[in-house]
Structures are given as C-alpha cells and as structure tokens.
Amino acid sequence: MKLHKNDTIKVLSGDDKGRTGKVTRLYPKENKVLVDGLNTYKKHLKNQSDQDSGGVVTLSRPLHVSKLQLICPQCHKPTRVTYSGTGSSKVRLCSKCHKPLTITTPKKTKK
C-alpha cells in the first residue's frame, strides 16, 4: 500500500470530494484507509448503563484507496507515489517534484 499513517490525502470522488485529511489507520487486506473527519455517519446508541447515556455519535468509515490521492508535503500538490532504490533501501518519491515523501513521527518513550 502506497499510503502510510499520518499522510495527508485528498478525496477524489464521493460525498467528500475535494476535502483533505490525515490518515489515522490502514486496512491493507481490504485496501481501505481511515481518514480523520471524513466519510462520517451518525450512529444512534442505546443507553447501556446508569452512567452511560445514549445518544447520537458521529463515527468515521474507511475509504477505498482508489478514491484518495496523496498530497506532497513539499510541493503541496496531489500526486502519485513513485519509488526509488531497491530492496530495503526503497524511498517513496513525489512524482511531480521528485522529492522524498518523508513523514516524521514522534518516537515512543519507554516508561
């Protein structure tokens, strides 16, 4: 899958066409991606206990990868992903500006 967690994407088709968001979770077996705040629906919940109140909750559904396009962090344009290198040294590249698509993720600290 060419998309990674924390990538910024643009929706190409559907109700959310033209909107952008950040990838929060990947489903590689289904070729789907969960994007924060996009493809939402409302679910009506029943009251489960005395402390938990029922109501309407807004949830996100995963989008198929074919409906999304990656936005390059350097040139800020929707682009396809190309690869450079072989084996373990593969690097994702923007097909428009040919710069590496690197995402800096915060490192987990041990407690």
PDB file of N, CA and C in Angstrom:
ATOM      1  N   MET A   1       0.849  -1.174   0.000  1.00  0.00           N
ATOM      2  CA  MET A   1       0.000   0.000   0.000  1.00  0.00           C
ATOM      3  C   MET A   1       0.898   1.241   0.000  1.00  0.00           C
ATOM      4  N   LYS A   2       0.615   2.176  -0.865  1.00  0.00           N
ATOM      5  CA  LYS A   2       1.476   3.341  -1.038  1.00  0.00           C
ATOM      6  C   LYS A   2       1.208   4.448  -0.026  1.00  0.00           C
ATOM      7  N   LEU A   3       0.089   4.379   0.683  1.00  0.00           N
ATOM      8  CA  LEU A   3      -0.208   5.361   1.717  1.00  0.00           C
ATOM      9  C   LEU A   3       0.276   4.847   3.065  1.00  0.00           C
ATOM     10  N   HIS A   4       0.709   5.774   3.905  1.00  0.00           N
ATOM     11  CA  HIS A   4       1.180   5.433   5.236  1.00  0.00           C
ATOM     12  C   HIS A   4       0.399   6.244   6.265  1.00  0.00           C
ATOM     13  N   LYS A   5       0.526   5.855   7.526  1.00  0.00           N
ATOM     14  CA  LYS A   5      -0.128   6.578   8.604  1.00  0.00           C
ATOM     15  C   LYS A   5       0.447   7.989   8.677  1.00  0.00           C
ATOM     16  N   ASN A   6      -0.392   8.968   8.987  1.00  0.00           N
ATOM     17  CA  ASN A   6      -0.069  10.395   9.098  1.00  0.00           C
ATOM     18  C   ASN A   6       0.183  11.068   7.752  1.00  0.00           C
ATOM     19  N   ASP A   7      -0.081  10.406   6.623  1.00  0.00           N
ATOM     20  CA  ASP A   7      -0.023  11.059   5.315  1.00  0.00           C
ATOM     21  C   ASP A   7      -1.227  11.981   5.163  1.00  0.00           C
ATOM     22  N   THR A   8      -1.044  13.092   4.462  1.00  0.00           N
ATOM     23  CA  THR A   8      -2.152  13.977   4.129  1.00  0.00           C
ATOM     24  C   THR A   8      -2.666  13.569   2.760  1.00  0.00           C
ATOM     25  N   ILE A   9      -3.992  13.396   2.663  1.00  0.00           N
ATOM     26  CA  ILE A   9      -4.583  12.915   1.416  1.00  0.00           C
ATOM     27  C   ILE A   9      -5.701  13.849   0.960  1.00  0.00           C
ATOM     28  N   LYS A  10      -6.090  13.703  -0.307  1.00  0.00           N
ATOM     29  CA  LYS A  10      -7.219  14.423  -0.887  1.00  0.00           C
ATOM     30  C   LYS A  10      -8.187  13.389  -1.436  1.00  0.00           C
ATOM     31  N   VAL A  11      -9.496  13.603  -1.214  1.00  0.00           N
ATOM     32  CA  VAL A  11     -10.525  12.683  -1.698  1.00  0.00           C
ATOM     33  C   VAL A  11     -10.869  13.061  -3.135  1.00  0.00           C
ATOM     34  N   LEU A  12     -10.845  12.064  -4.034  1.00  0.00           N
ATOM     35  CA  LEU A  12     -11.084  12.307  -5.459  1.00  0.00           C
ATOM     36  C   LEU A  12     -12.534  12.124  -5.875  1.00  0.00           C
ATOM     37  N   SER A  13     -13.301  11.277  -5.165  1.00  0.00           N
ATOM     38  CA  SER A  13     -14.688  11.037  -5.553  1.00  0.00           C
ATOM     39  C   SER A  13     -15.522  10.731  -4.324  1.00  0.00           C
ATOM     40  N   GLY A  14     -16.826  10.891  -4.478  1.00  0.00           N
ATOM     41  CA  GLY A  14     -17.745  10.615  -3.383  1.00  0.00           C
ATOM     42  C   GLY A  14     -18.292  11.890  -2.770  1.00  0.00           C
ATOM     43  N   ASP A  15     -18.973  11.741  -1.629  1.00  0.00           N
ATOM     44  CA  ASP A  15     -19.588  12.886  -0.963  1.00  0.00           C
ATOM     45  C   ASP A  15     -18.554  13.876  -0.437  1.00  0.00           C
ATOM     46  N   ASP A  16     -17.376  13.400  -0.074  1.00  0.00           N
ATOM     47  CA  ASP A  16     -16.325  14.254   0.481  1.00  0.00           C
ATOM     48  C   ASP A  16     -15.315  14.694  -0.571  1.00  0.00           C
ATOM     49  N   LYS A  17     -15.694  14.703  -1.844  1.00  0.00           N
ATOM     50  CA  LYS A  17     -14.786  15.044  -2.938  1.00  0.00           C
ATOM     51  C   LYS A  17     -14.167  16.424  -2.720  1.00  0.00           C
ATOM     52  N   GLY A  18     -12.833  16.491  -2.842  1.00  0.00           N
ATOM     53  CA  GLY A  18     -12.121  17.752  -2.700  1.00  0.00           C
ATOM     54  C   GLY A  18     -11.621  18.033  -1.297  1.00  0.00           C
ATOM     55  N   ARG A  19     -12.110  17.311  -0.310  1.00  0.00           N
ATOM     56  CA  ARG A  19     -11.693  17.549   1.072  1.00  0.00           C
ATOM     57  C   ARG A  19     -10.367  16.845   1.356  1.00  0.00           C
ATOM     58  N   THR A  20      -9.627  17.376   2.312  1.00  0.00           N
ATOM     59  CA  THR A  20      -8.350  16.791   2.690  1.00  0.00           C
ATOM     60  C   THR A  20      -8.407  16.322   4.130  1.00  0.00           C
ATOM     61  N   GLY A  21      -7.542  15.384   4.454  1.00  0.00           N
ATOM     62  CA  GLY A  21      -7.489  14.862   5.811  1.00  0.00           C
ATOM     63  C   GLY A  21      -6.216  14.082   6.044  1.00  0.00           C
ATOM     64  N   LYS A  22      -6.061  13.606   7.279  1.00  0.00           N
ATOM     65  CA  LYS A  22      -4.873  12.865   7.679  1.00  0.00           C
ATOM     66  C   LYS A  22      -5.232  11.406   7.900  1.00  0.00           C
ATOM     67  N   VAL A  23      -4.406  10.500   7.409  1.00  0.00           N
ATOM     68  CA  VAL A  23      -4.629   9.064   7.550  1.00  0.00           C
ATOM     69  C   VAL A  23      -4.382   8.675   9.005  1.00  0.00           C
ATOM     70  N   THR A  24      -5.383   8.001   9.622  1.00  0.00           N
ATOM     71  CA  THR A  24      -5.235   7.580  11.008  1.00  0.00           C
ATOM     72  C   THR A  24      -5.038   6.084  11.149  1.00  0.00           C
ATOM     73  N   ARG A  25      -5.561   5.293  10.216  1.00  0.00           N
ATOM     74  CA  ARG A  25      -5.426   3.841  10.304  1.00  0.00           C
ATOM     75  C   ARG A  25      -5.484   3.235   8.912  1.00  0.00           C
ATOM     76  N   LEU A  26      -4.745   2.141   8.713  1.00  0.00           N
ATOM     77  CA  LEU A  26      -4.703   1.442   7.435  1.00  0.00           C
ATOM     78  C   LEU A  26      -5.330   0.066   7.574  1.00  0.00           C
ATOM     79  N   TYR A  27      -6.052  -0.351   6.527  1.00  0.00           N
ATOM     80  CA  TYR A  27      -6.610  -1.697   6.425  1.00  0.00           C
ATOM     81  C   TYR A  27      -6.081  -2.306   5.128  1.00  0.00           C
ATOM     82  N   PRO A  28      -4.850  -2.859   5.124  1.00  0.00           N
ATOM     83  CA  PRO A  28      -4.235  -3.302   3.870  1.00  0.00           C
ATOM     84  C   PRO A  28      -4.928  -4.481   3.201  1.00  0.00           C
ATOM     85  N   LYS A  29      -5.564  -5.363   3.961  1.00  0.00           N
ATOM     86  CA  LYS A  29      -6.237  -6.510   3.345  1.00  0.00           C
ATOM     87  C   LYS A  29      -7.443  -6.081   2.524  1.00  0.00           C
ATOM     88  N   GLU A  30      -8.136  -5.019   2.967  1.00  0.00           N
ATOM     89  CA  GLU A  30      -9.310  -4.520   2.245  1.00  0.00           C
ATOM     90  C   GLU A  30      -8.976  -3.352   1.324  1.00  0.00           C
ATOM     91  N   ASN A  31      -7.710  -2.893   1.305  1.00  0.00           N
ATOM     92  CA  ASN A  31      -7.293  -1.704   0.548  1.00  0.00           C
ATOM     93  C   ASN A  31      -8.095  -0.480   0.954  1.00  0.00           C
ATOM     94  N   LYS A  32      -8.282  -0.295   2.251  1.00  0.00           N
ATOM     95  CA  LYS A  32      -9.033   0.844   2.761  1.00  0.00           C
ATOM     96  C   LYS A  32      -8.203   1.607   3.774  1.00  0.00           C
ATOM     97  N   VAL A  33      -8.563   2.884   3.948  1.00  0.00           N
ATOM     98  CA  VAL A  33      -7.849   3.786   4.839  1.00  0.00           C
ATOM     99  C   VAL A  33      -8.867   4.567   5.650  1.00  0.00           C
ATOM    100  N   LEU A  34      -8.609   4.729   6.938  1.00  0.00           N
ATOM    101  CA  LEU A  34      -9.460   5.545   7.794  1.00  0.00           C
ATOM    102  C   LEU A  34      -8.858   6.941   7.854  1.00  0.00           C
ATOM    103  N   VAL A  35      -9.646   7.945   7.468  1.00  0.00           N
ATOM    104  CA  VAL A  35      -9.192   9.326   7.437  1.00  0.00           C
ATOM    105  C   VAL A  35      -9.963  10.099   8.495  1.00  0.00           C
ATOM    106  N   ASP A  36      -9.243  10.861   9.291  1.00  0.00           N
ATOM    107  CA  ASP A  36      -9.844  11.592  10.396  1.00  0.00           C
ATOM    108  C   ASP A  36     -10.818  12.655   9.886  1.00  0.00           C
ATOM    109  N   GLY A  37     -12.093  12.547  10.282  1.00  0.00           N
ATOM    110  CA  GLY A  37     -13.098  13.555   9.967  1.00  0.00           C
ATOM    111  C   GLY A  37     -13.763  13.428   8.606  1.00  0.00           C
ATOM    112  N   LEU A  38     -13.432  12.403   7.827  1.00  0.00           N
ATOM    113  CA  LEU A  38     -14.040  12.226   6.510  1.00  0.00           C
ATOM    114  C   LEU A  38     -14.849  10.944   6.472  1.00  0.00           C
ATOM    115  N   ASN A  39     -15.849  10.895   5.572  1.00  0.00           N
ATOM    116  CA  ASN A  39     -16.726   9.739   5.389  1.00  0.00           C
ATOM    117  C   ASN A  39     -17.408   9.376   6.708  1.00  0.00           C
ATOM    118  N   THR A  40     -18.040  10.361   7.318  1.00  0.00           N
ATOM    119  CA  THR A  40     -18.663  10.168   8.628  1.00  0.00           C
ATOM    120  C   THR A  40     -20.125   9.763   8.488  1.00  0.00           C
ATOM    121  N   TYR A  41     -20.608   9.095   9.534  1.00  0.00           N
ATOM    122  CA  TYR A  41     -22.018   8.739   9.627  1.00  0.00           C
ATOM    123  C   TYR A  41     -22.436   8.841  11.080  1.00  0.00           C
ATOM    124  N   LYS A  42     -23.741   8.925  11.316  1.00  0.00           N
ATOM    125  CA  LYS A  42     -24.260   9.057  12.672  1.00  0.00           C
ATOM    126  C   LYS A  42     -24.855   7.739  13.120  1.00  0.00           C
ATOM    127  N   LYS A  43     -24.462   7.309  14.313  1.00  0.00           N
ATOM    128  CA  LYS A  43     -24.953   6.061  14.877  1.00  0.00           C
ATOM    129  C   LYS A  43     -25.738   6.386  16.141  1.00  0.00           C
ATOM    130  N   HIS A  44     -26.940   5.824  16.233  1.00  0.00           N
ATOM    131  CA  HIS A  44     -27.792   6.033  17.397  1.00  0.00           C
ATOM    132  C   HIS A  44     -27.497   4.947  18.416  1.00  0.00           C
ATOM    133  N   LEU A  45     -27.065   5.359  19.611  1.00  0.00           N
ATOM    134  CA  LEU A  45     -26.697   4.413  20.653  1.00  0.00           C
ATOM    135  C   LEU A  45     -27.762   4.363  21.729  1.00  0.00           C
ATOM    136  N   LYS A  46     -28.000   3.154  22.208  1.00  0.00           N
ATOM    137  CA  LYS A  46     -28.944   2.928  23.291  1.00  0.00           C
ATOM    138  C   LYS A  46     -28.224   3.128  24.622  1.00  0.00           C
ATOM    139  N   ASN A  47     -28.962   3.501  25.653  1.00  0.00           N
ATOM    140  CA  ASN A  47     -28.396   3.670  26.976  1.00  0.00           C
ATOM    141  C   ASN A  47     -27.946   2.303  27.500  1.00  0.00           C
ATOM    142  N   GLN A  48     -26.658   2.124  27.813  1.00  0.00           N
ATOM    143  CA  GLN A  48     -26.114   0.836  28.233  1.00  0.00           C
ATOM    144  C   GLN A  48     -26.103   0.646  29.747  1.00  0.00           C
ATOM    145  N   SER A  49     -25.878   1.683  30.508  1.00  0.00           N
ATOM    146  CA  SER A  49     -25.823   1.583  31.968  1.00  0.00           C
ATOM    147  C   SER A  49     -26.310   2.890  32.575  1.00  0.00           C
ATOM    148  N   ASP A  50     -26.260   2.957  33.893  1.00  0.00           N
ATOM    149  CA  ASP A  50     -26.723   4.170  34.575  1.00  0.00           C
ATOM    150  C   ASP A  50     -25.818   5.365  34.273  1.00  0.00           C
ATOM    151  N   GLN A  51     -24.518   5.116  34.146  1.00  0.00           N
ATOM    152  CA  GLN A  51     -23.585   6.219  33.922  1.00  0.00           C
ATOM    153  C   GLN A  51     -23.483   6.598  32.446  1.00  0.00           C
ATOM    154  N   ASP A  52     -23.657   5.627  31.567  1.00  0.00           N
ATOM    155  CA  ASP A  52     -23.523   5.863  30.135  1.00  0.00           C
ATOM    156  C   ASP A  52     -24.854   6.334  29.567  1.00  0.00           C
ATOM    157  N   SER A  53     -24.851   7.500  28.952  1.00  0.00           N
ATOM    158  CA  SER A  53     -26.086   7.999  28.346  1.00  0.00           C
ATOM    159  C   SER A  53     -26.085   7.674  26.860  1.00  0.00           C
ATOM    160  N   GLY A  54     -27.229   7.315  26.349  1.00  0.00           N
ATOM    161  CA  GLY A  54     -27.364   7.036  24.927  1.00  0.00           C
ATOM    162  C   GLY A  54     -27.378   8.331  24.142  1.00  0.00           C
ATOM    163  N   GLY A  55     -27.458   8.228  22.849  1.00  0.00           N
ATOM    164  CA  GLY A  55     -27.498   9.422  22.019  1.00  0.00           C
ATOM    165  C   GLY A  55     -26.985   9.134  20.628  1.00  0.00           C
ATOM    166  N   VAL A  56     -26.695  10.201  19.919  1.00  0.00           N
ATOM    167  CA  VAL A  56     -26.219  10.101  18.549  1.00  0.00           C
ATOM    168  C   VAL A  56     -24.716  10.373  18.546  1.00  0.00           C
ATOM    169  N   VAL A  57     -23.945   9.442  17.959  1.00  0.00           N
ATOM    170  CA  VAL A  57     -22.489   9.560  17.900  1.00  0.00           C
ATOM    171  C   VAL A  57     -22.070   9.610  16.436  1.00  0.00           C
ATOM    172  N   THR A  58     -21.135  10.501  16.103  1.00  0.00           N
ATOM    173  CA  THR A  58     -20.606  10.596  14.748  1.00  0.00           C
ATOM    174  C   THR A  58     -19.343   9.750  14.652  1.00  0.00           C
ATOM    175  N   LEU A  59     -19.322   8.808  13.705  1.00  0.00           N
ATOM    176  CA  LEU A  59     -18.193   7.905  13.502  1.00  0.00           C
ATOM    177  C   LEU A  59     -17.679   8.025  12.071  1.00  0.00           C
ATOM    178  N   SER A  60     -16.431   7.613  11.861  1.00  0.00           N
ATOM    179  CA  SER A  60     -15.837   7.629  10.519  1.00  0.00           C
ATOM    180  C   SER A  60     -15.786   6.223   9.955  1.00  0.00           C
ATOM    181  N   ARG A  61     -16.004   6.112   8.656  1.00  0.00           N
ATOM    182  CA  ARG A  61     -15.882   4.840   7.950  1.00  0.00           C
ATOM    183  C   ARG A  61     -14.630   4.898   7.085  1.00  0.00           C
ATOM    184  N   PRO A  62     -14.015   3.732   6.834  1.00  0.00           N
ATOM    185  CA  PRO A  62     -12.834   3.726   5.964  1.00  0.00           C
ATOM    186  C   PRO A  62     -13.196   4.016   4.504  1.00  0.00           C
ATOM    187  N   LEU A  63     -12.271   4.654   3.798  1.00  0.00           N
ATOM    188  CA  LEU A  63     -12.410   4.949   2.371  1.00  0.00           C
ATOM    189  C   LEU A  63     -11.497   4.024   1.573  1.00  0.00           C
ATOM    190  N   HIS A  64     -11.924   3.669   0.357  1.00  0.00           N
ATOM    191  CA  HIS A  64     -11.093   2.833  -0.505  1.00  0.00           C
ATOM    192  C   HIS A  64      -9.928   3.668  -1.033  1.00  0.00           C
ATOM    193  N   VAL A  65      -8.783   3.030  -1.190  1.00  0.00           N
ATOM    194  CA  VAL A  65      -7.560   3.713  -1.596  1.00  0.00           C
ATOM    195  C   VAL A  65      -7.695   4.341  -2.983  1.00  0.00           C
ATOM    196  N   SER A  66      -8.513   3.752  -3.857  1.00  0.00           N
ATOM    197  CA  SER A  66      -8.660   4.278  -5.216  1.00  0.00           C
ATOM    198  C   SER A  66      -9.361   5.633  -5.244  1.00  0.00           C
ATOM    199  N   LYS A  67     -10.031   6.011  -4.164  1.00  0.00           N
ATOM    200  CA  LYS A  67     -10.711   7.300  -4.097  1.00  0.00           C
ATOM    201  C   LYS A  67      -9.824   8.396  -3.519  1.00  0.00           C
ATOM    202  N   LEU A  68      -8.585   8.067  -3.160  1.00  0.00           N
ATOM    203  CA  LEU A  68      -7.703   9.004  -2.475  1.00  0.00           C
ATOM    204  C   LEU A  68      -6.448   9.275  -3.283  1.00  0.00           C
ATOM    205  N   GLN A  69      -5.860  10.462  -3.039  1.00  0.00           N
ATOM    206  CA  GLN A  69      -4.579  10.786  -3.637  1.00  0.00           C
ATOM    207  C   GLN A  69      -3.731  11.510  -2.596  1.00  0.00           C
ATOM    208  N   LEU A  70      -2.474  11.136  -2.535  1.00  0.00           N
ATOM    209  CA  LEU A  70      -1.545  11.692  -1.565  1.00  0.00           C
ATOM    210  C   LEU A  70      -1.206  13.133  -1.910  1.00  0.00           C
ATOM    211  N   ILE A  71      -1.091  13.996  -0.886  1.00  0.00           N
ATOM    212  CA  ILE A  71      -0.652  15.374  -1.077  1.00  0.00           C
ATOM    213  C   ILE A  71       0.807  15.448  -0.638  1.00  0.00           C
ATOM    214  N   CYS A  72       1.666  15.915  -1.534  1.00  0.00           N
ATOM    215  CA  CYS A  72       3.100  16.011  -1.261  1.00  0.00           C
ATOM    216  C   CYS A  72       3.350  17.070  -0.191  1.00  0.00           C
ATOM    217  N   PRO A  73       4.131  16.760   0.865  1.00  0.00           N
ATOM    218  CA  PRO A  73       4.401  17.758   1.904  1.00  0.00           C
ATOM    219  C   PRO A  73       5.311  18.895   1.434  1.00  0.00           C
ATOM    220  N   GLN A  74       6.094  18.695   0.349  1.00  0.00           N
ATOM    221  CA  GLN A  74       6.990  19.745  -0.122  1.00  0.00           C
ATOM    222  C   GLN A  74       6.313  20.689  -1.115  1.00  0.00           C
ATOM    223  N   CYS A  75       5.649  20.138  -2.145  1.00  0.00           N
ATOM    224  CA  CYS A  75       5.047  20.996  -3.178  1.00  0.00           C
ATOM    225  C   CYS A  75       3.555  21.239  -2.946  1.00  0.00           C
ATOM    226  N   HIS A  76       2.949  20.554  -1.970  1.00  0.00           N
ATOM    227  CA  HIS A  76       1.544  20.727  -1.580  1.00  0.00           C
ATOM    228  C   HIS A  76       0.572  20.498  -2.736  1.00  0.00           C
ATOM    229  N   LYS A  77       0.893  19.537  -3.613  1.00  0.00           N
ATOM    230  CA  LYS A  77       0.020  19.183  -4.727  1.00  0.00           C
ATOM    231  C   LYS A  77      -0.362  17.710  -4.611  1.00  0.00           C
ATOM    232  N   PRO A  78      -1.591  17.351  -5.043  1.00  0.00           N
ATOM    233  CA  PRO A  78      -1.948  15.930  -5.089  1.00  0.00           C
ATOM    234  C   PRO A  78      -1.070  15.217  -6.120  1.00  0.00           C
ATOM    235  N   THR A  79      -0.513  14.088  -5.735  1.00  0.00           N
ATOM    236  CA  THR A  79       0.459  13.421  -6.591  1.00  0.00           C
ATOM    237  C   THR A  79       0.373  11.911  -6.463  1.00  0.00           C
ATOM    238  N   ARG A  80       0.947  11.222  -7.427  1.00  0.00           N
ATOM    239  CA  ARG A  80       1.118   9.776  -7.339  1.00  0.00           C
ATOM    240  C   ARG A  80       2.438   9.497  -6.632  1.00  0.00           C
ATOM    241  N   VAL A  81       2.570   8.268  -6.167  1.00  0.00           N
ATOM    242  CA  VAL A  81       3.782   7.880  -5.454  1.00  0.00           C
ATOM    243  C   VAL A  81       4.640   7.018  -6.364  1.00  0.00           C
ATOM    244  N   THR A  82       5.925   7.373  -6.477  1.00  0.00           N
ATOM    245  CA  THR A  82       6.887   6.539  -7.181  1.00  0.00           C
ATOM    246  C   THR A  82       7.941   6.091  -6.177  1.00  0.00           C
ATOM    247  N   TYR A  83       8.709   5.084  -6.553  1.00  0.00           N
ATOM    248  CA  TYR A  83       9.732   4.551  -5.663  1.00  0.00           C
ATOM    249  C   TYR A  83      11.103   4.654  -6.307  1.00  0.00           C
ATOM    250  N   SER A  84      12.121   4.868  -5.468  1.00  0.00           N
ATOM    251  CA  SER A  84      13.500   4.894  -5.912  1.00  0.00           C
ATOM    252  C   SER A  84      14.298   3.938  -5.039  1.00  0.00           C
ATOM    253  N   GLY A  85      15.229   3.218  -5.630  1.00  0.00           N
ATOM    254  CA  GLY A  85      16.044   2.274  -4.881  1.00  0.00           C
ATOM    255  C   GLY A  85      15.498   0.870  -4.988  1.00  0.00           C
ATOM    256  N   THR A  86      16.232  -0.067  -4.417  1.00  0.00           N
ATOM    257  CA  THR A  86      15.819  -1.460  -4.465  1.00  0.00           C
ATOM    258  C   THR A  86      15.951  -2.084  -3.087  1.00  0.00           C
ATOM    259  N   GLY A  87      15.202  -3.150  -2.883  1.00  0.00           N
ATOM    260  CA  GLY A  87      15.290  -3.907  -1.632  1.00  0.00           C
ATOM    261  C   GLY A  87      14.841  -3.110  -0.425  1.00  0.00           C
ATOM    262  N   SER A  88      15.664  -3.117   0.614  1.00  0.00           N
ATOM    263  CA  SER A  88      15.292  -2.434   1.856  1.00  0.00           C
ATOM    264  C   SER A  88      15.549  -0.935   1.793  1.00  0.00           C
ATOM    265  N   SER A  89      16.211  -0.449   0.749  1.00  0.00           N
ATOM    266  CA  SER A  89      16.517   0.976   0.645  1.00  0.00           C
ATOM    267  C   SER A  89      15.533   1.722  -0.250  1.00  0.00           C
ATOM    268  N   LYS A  90      14.305   1.204  -0.394  1.00  0.00           N
ATOM    269  CA  LYS A  90      13.299   1.884  -1.211  1.00  0.00           C
ATOM    270  C   LYS A  90      12.852   3.169  -0.528  1.00  0.00           C
ATOM    271  N   VAL A  91      12.663   4.214  -1.326  1.00  0.00           N
ATOM    272  CA  VAL A  91      12.219   5.508  -0.817  1.00  0.00           C
ATOM    273  C   VAL A  91      11.024   5.948  -1.642  1.00  0.00           C
ATOM    274  N   ARG A  92       9.965   6.416  -0.964  1.00  0.00           N
ATOM    275  CA  ARG A  92       8.805   6.951  -1.681  1.00  0.00           C
ATOM    276  C   ARG A  92       9.138   8.348  -2.194  1.00  0.00           C
ATOM    277  N   LEU A  93       8.765   8.626  -3.450  1.00  0.00           N
ATOM    278  CA  LEU A  93       9.034   9.924  -4.066  1.00  0.00           C
ATOM    279  C   LEU A  93       7.752  10.528  -4.608  1.00  0.00           C
ATOM    280  N   CYS A  94       7.693  11.861  -4.604  1.00  0.00           N
ATOM    281  CA  CYS A  94       6.609  12.598  -5.254  1.00  0.00           C
ATOM    282  C   CYS A  94       6.869  12.550  -6.754  1.00  0.00           C
ATOM    283  N   SER A  95       5.851  12.215  -7.542  1.00  0.00           N
ATOM    284  CA  SER A  95       6.056  12.118  -8.991  1.00  0.00           C
ATOM    285  C   SER A  95       6.100  13.489  -9.657  1.00  0.00           C
ATOM    286  N   LYS A  96       5.717  14.560  -8.956  1.00  0.00           N
ATOM    287  CA  LYS A  96       5.738  15.899  -9.551  1.00  0.00           C
ATOM    288  C   LYS A  96       7.035  16.642  -9.251  1.00  0.00           C
ATOM    289  N   CYS A  97       7.471  16.644  -7.976  1.00  0.00           N
ATOM    290  CA  CYS A  97       8.681  17.393  -7.625  1.00  0.00           C
ATOM    291  C   CYS A  97       9.888  16.481  -7.395  1.00  0.00           C
ATOM    292  N   HIS A  98       9.691  15.156  -7.406  1.00  0.00           N
ATOM    293  CA  HIS A  98      10.748  14.147  -7.263  1.00  0.00           C
ATOM    294  C   HIS A  98      11.527  14.272  -5.955  1.00  0.00           C
ATOM    295  N   LYS A  99      10.864  14.751  -4.903  1.00  0.00           N
ATOM    296  CA  LYS A  99      11.481  14.819  -3.578  1.00  0.00           C
ATOM    297  C   LYS A  99      10.934  13.681  -2.725  1.00  0.00           C
ATOM    298  N   PRO A 100      11.709  13.218  -1.735  1.00  0.00           N
ATOM    299  CA  PRO A 100      11.238  12.102  -0.898  1.00  0.00           C
ATOM    300  C   PRO A 100      10.040  12.491  -0.041  1.00  0.00           C
ATOM    301  N   LEU A 101       9.123  11.544   0.118  1.00  0.00           N
ATOM    302  CA  LEU A 101       7.931  11.743   0.943  1.00  0.00           C
ATOM    303  C   LEU A 101       8.223  11.181   2.330  1.00  0.00           C
ATOM    304  N   THR A 102       8.848  11.983   3.156  1.00  0.00           N
ATOM    305  CA  THR A 102       9.187  11.526   4.498  1.00  0.00           C
ATOM    306  C   THR A 102       8.207  12.118   5.487  1.00  0.00           C
ATOM    307  N   ILE A 103       7.771  11.283   6.403  1.00  0.00           N
ATOM    308  CA  ILE A 103       6.864  11.708   7.458  1.00  0.00           C
ATOM    309  C   ILE A 103       7.599  11.532   8.776  1.00  0.00           C
ATOM    310  N   THR A 104       7.693  12.601   9.542  1.00  0.00           N
ATOM    311  CA  THR A 104       8.338  12.491  10.846  1.00  0.00           C
ATOM    312  C   THR A 104       7.284  12.120  11.872  1.00  0.00           C
ATOM    313  N   THR A 105       7.479  10.980  12.508  1.00  0.00           N
ATOM    314  CA  THR A 105       6.548  10.525  13.532  1.00  0.00           C
ATOM    315  C   THR A 105       7.222  10.636  14.885  1.00  0.00           C
ATOM    316  N   PRO A 106       6.479  11.040  15.913  1.00  0.00           N
ATOM    317  CA  PRO A 106       7.087  11.144  17.235  1.00  0.00           C
ATOM    318  C   PRO A 106       7.483   9.764  17.749  1.00  0.00           C
ATOM    319  N   LYS A 107       8.659   9.688  18.349  1.00  0.00           N
ATOM    320  CA  LYS A 107       9.139   8.413  18.870  1.00  0.00           C
ATOM    321  C   LYS A 107       8.463   8.112  20.197  1.00  0.00           C
ATOM    322  N   LYS A 108       8.164   6.833  20.411  1.00  0.00           N
ATOM    323  CA  LYS A 108       7.540   6.410  21.655  1.00  0.00           C
ATOM    324  C   LYS A 108       8.603   6.326  22.742  1.00  0.00           C
ATOM    325  N   THR A 109       8.275   6.840  23.902  1.00  0.00           N
ATOM    326  CA  THR A 109       9.205   6.785  25.022  1.00  0.00           C
ATOM    327  C   THR A 109       8.796   5.671  25.960  1.00  0.00           C
ATOM    328  N   LYS A 110       9.778   4.985  26.506  1.00  0.00           N
ATOM    329  CA  LYS A 110       9.502   3.905  27.445  1.00  0.00           C
ATOM    330  C   LYS A 110       9.295   4.491  28.828  1.00  0.00           C
ATOM    331  N   LYS A 111       8.346   3.916  29.544  1.00  0.00           N
ATOM    332  CA  LYS A 111       8.060   4.399  30.896  1.00  0.00           C
ATOM    333  C   LYS A 111       8.739   3.541  31.928  1.00  0.00           C
TER     334      LYS A 111
END
